[in-house]
Protein backbone atom coordinates (compact mmCIF):
# COMPACT_ATOMS: atom_id res chain seq x y z
CA MET A 1 -8.02 -34.02 16.24
CA ARG A 2 -7.73 -31.93 13.20
CA SER A 3 -9.44 -28.63 12.47
CA ILE A 4 -10.63 -26.64 9.45
CA LYS A 5 -10.57 -23.13 9.03
CA ILE A 6 -13.94 -22.96 6.69
CA THR A 7 -13.32 -19.59 4.15
CA GLY A 8 -16.08 -20.33 1.25
CA GLY A 9 -18.58 -23.17 1.15
CA PHE A 10 -18.57 -25.90 3.84
CA ALA A 11 -20.44 -29.30 3.44
CA ALA A 12 -20.20 -32.56 5.28
CA SER A 13 -22.03 -36.02 4.22
CA SER A 14 -22.98 -39.00 6.36
CA GLN A 15 -24.39 -42.24 6.49
CA HIS A 16 -26.09 -41.31 9.73
CA LYS A 17 -29.17 -39.66 8.98
CA ARG A 18 -32.14 -41.00 6.12
CA THR A 19 -30.97 -44.34 6.49
CA TRP A 20 -33.92 -47.15 6.28
CA GLN A 21 -34.93 -51.10 6.33
CA ASP A 22 -35.22 -52.95 3.41
CA ASN A 23 -36.11 -56.63 3.67
CA GLY A 24 -33.43 -56.86 6.94
CA HIS A 25 -30.95 -54.73 5.60
CA GLU A 26 -29.80 -51.43 6.11
CA ARG A 27 -30.01 -48.49 3.56
CA ALA A 28 -29.18 -45.32 3.03
CA HIS A 29 -29.46 -42.58 0.53
CA ILE A 30 -26.04 -42.53 -0.52
CA ILE A 31 -25.18 -44.90 -3.58
CA ASP A 32 -22.36 -46.15 -4.53
CA PRO A 33 -22.43 -46.26 -8.44
CA ARG A 34 -19.81 -49.41 -8.91
CA ILE A 35 -22.34 -51.55 -6.30
CA ASN A 36 -25.70 -50.15 -7.39
CA ASN A 37 -26.33 -50.11 -3.63
CA THR A 38 -26.09 -48.35 -0.53
CA ALA A 39 -21.97 -47.11 -0.03
CA LYS A 40 -20.19 -48.74 2.56
CA SER A 41 -16.74 -47.40 3.05
CA GLY A 42 -16.79 -47.23 6.30
CA ALA A 43 -16.23 -43.47 6.65
CA HIS A 44 -18.39 -42.24 9.37
CA GLY A 45 -18.47 -38.68 8.39
CA VAL A 46 -16.85 -36.32 5.50
CA PHE A 47 -16.17 -32.77 5.30
CA VAL A 48 -15.17 -30.52 2.86
CA ASN A 49 -14.13 -26.28 2.62
CA ALA A 50 -14.82 -25.91 -0.94
CA ALA A 51 -14.37 -22.19 -3.01
CA THR A 52 -18.26 -22.90 -3.09
CA ALA A 53 -20.63 -25.12 -1.33
CA THR A 54 -21.83 -27.04 -4.43
CA ILE A 55 -18.39 -27.83 -4.84
CA ALA A 56 -17.61 -28.90 -1.14
CA ASP A 57 -21.27 -31.00 -1.36
CA ALA A 58 -20.23 -33.05 -4.40
CA LEU A 59 -16.65 -33.67 -3.04
CA ALA A 60 -18.13 -34.67 0.21
CA THR A 61 -20.30 -37.09 -1.35
CA ILE A 62 -17.66 -38.27 -3.64
CA LEU A 63 -15.49 -39.04 -0.66
CA LEU A 64 -18.31 -40.77 1.17
CA ILE A 65 -18.28 -43.61 -1.38
CA GLN A 66 -14.64 -43.14 -2.31
CA PRO A 67 -12.56 -42.22 0.53
CA LYS A 68 -9.28 -43.13 -0.87
CA LEU A 69 -8.97 -40.46 -3.10
CA HIS A 70 -9.09 -37.65 -0.48
CA GLU A 71 -5.16 -36.67 -0.97
CA GLN A 72 -6.09 -36.57 -4.93
CA LEU A 73 -9.09 -34.47 -4.89
CA ALA A 74 -7.83 -32.09 -2.01
CA GLN A 75 -4.86 -31.14 -4.30
CA ARG A 76 -6.93 -30.89 -7.17
CA TYR A 77 -9.75 -28.67 -6.36
CA ASN A 78 -7.20 -27.17 -3.44
CA VAL A 79 -9.70 -27.74 -0.63
CA GLN A 80 -9.66 -28.65 3.34
CA ILE A 81 -10.49 -32.48 4.02
CA LEU A 82 -12.00 -34.01 7.39
CA ILE A 83 -12.55 -37.53 6.93
């Protein structure tokens, strides 16, 4: 199991809360703009440690939608990511 040393801001994002049923389909609050529907990346949760909480929150949401960007974003923003 990996761990993150927390400095600066920390954020987590998941689809486990803020869900509801819509015509028999489970919906969640994070929308993938590519499909205009609930994000379904397969990531259960994303945790980001960044210079600020604002950056961490934005990156956590992006990575919940598209987790394959984790290496690129970690390097570009000098952040720690746990998916």
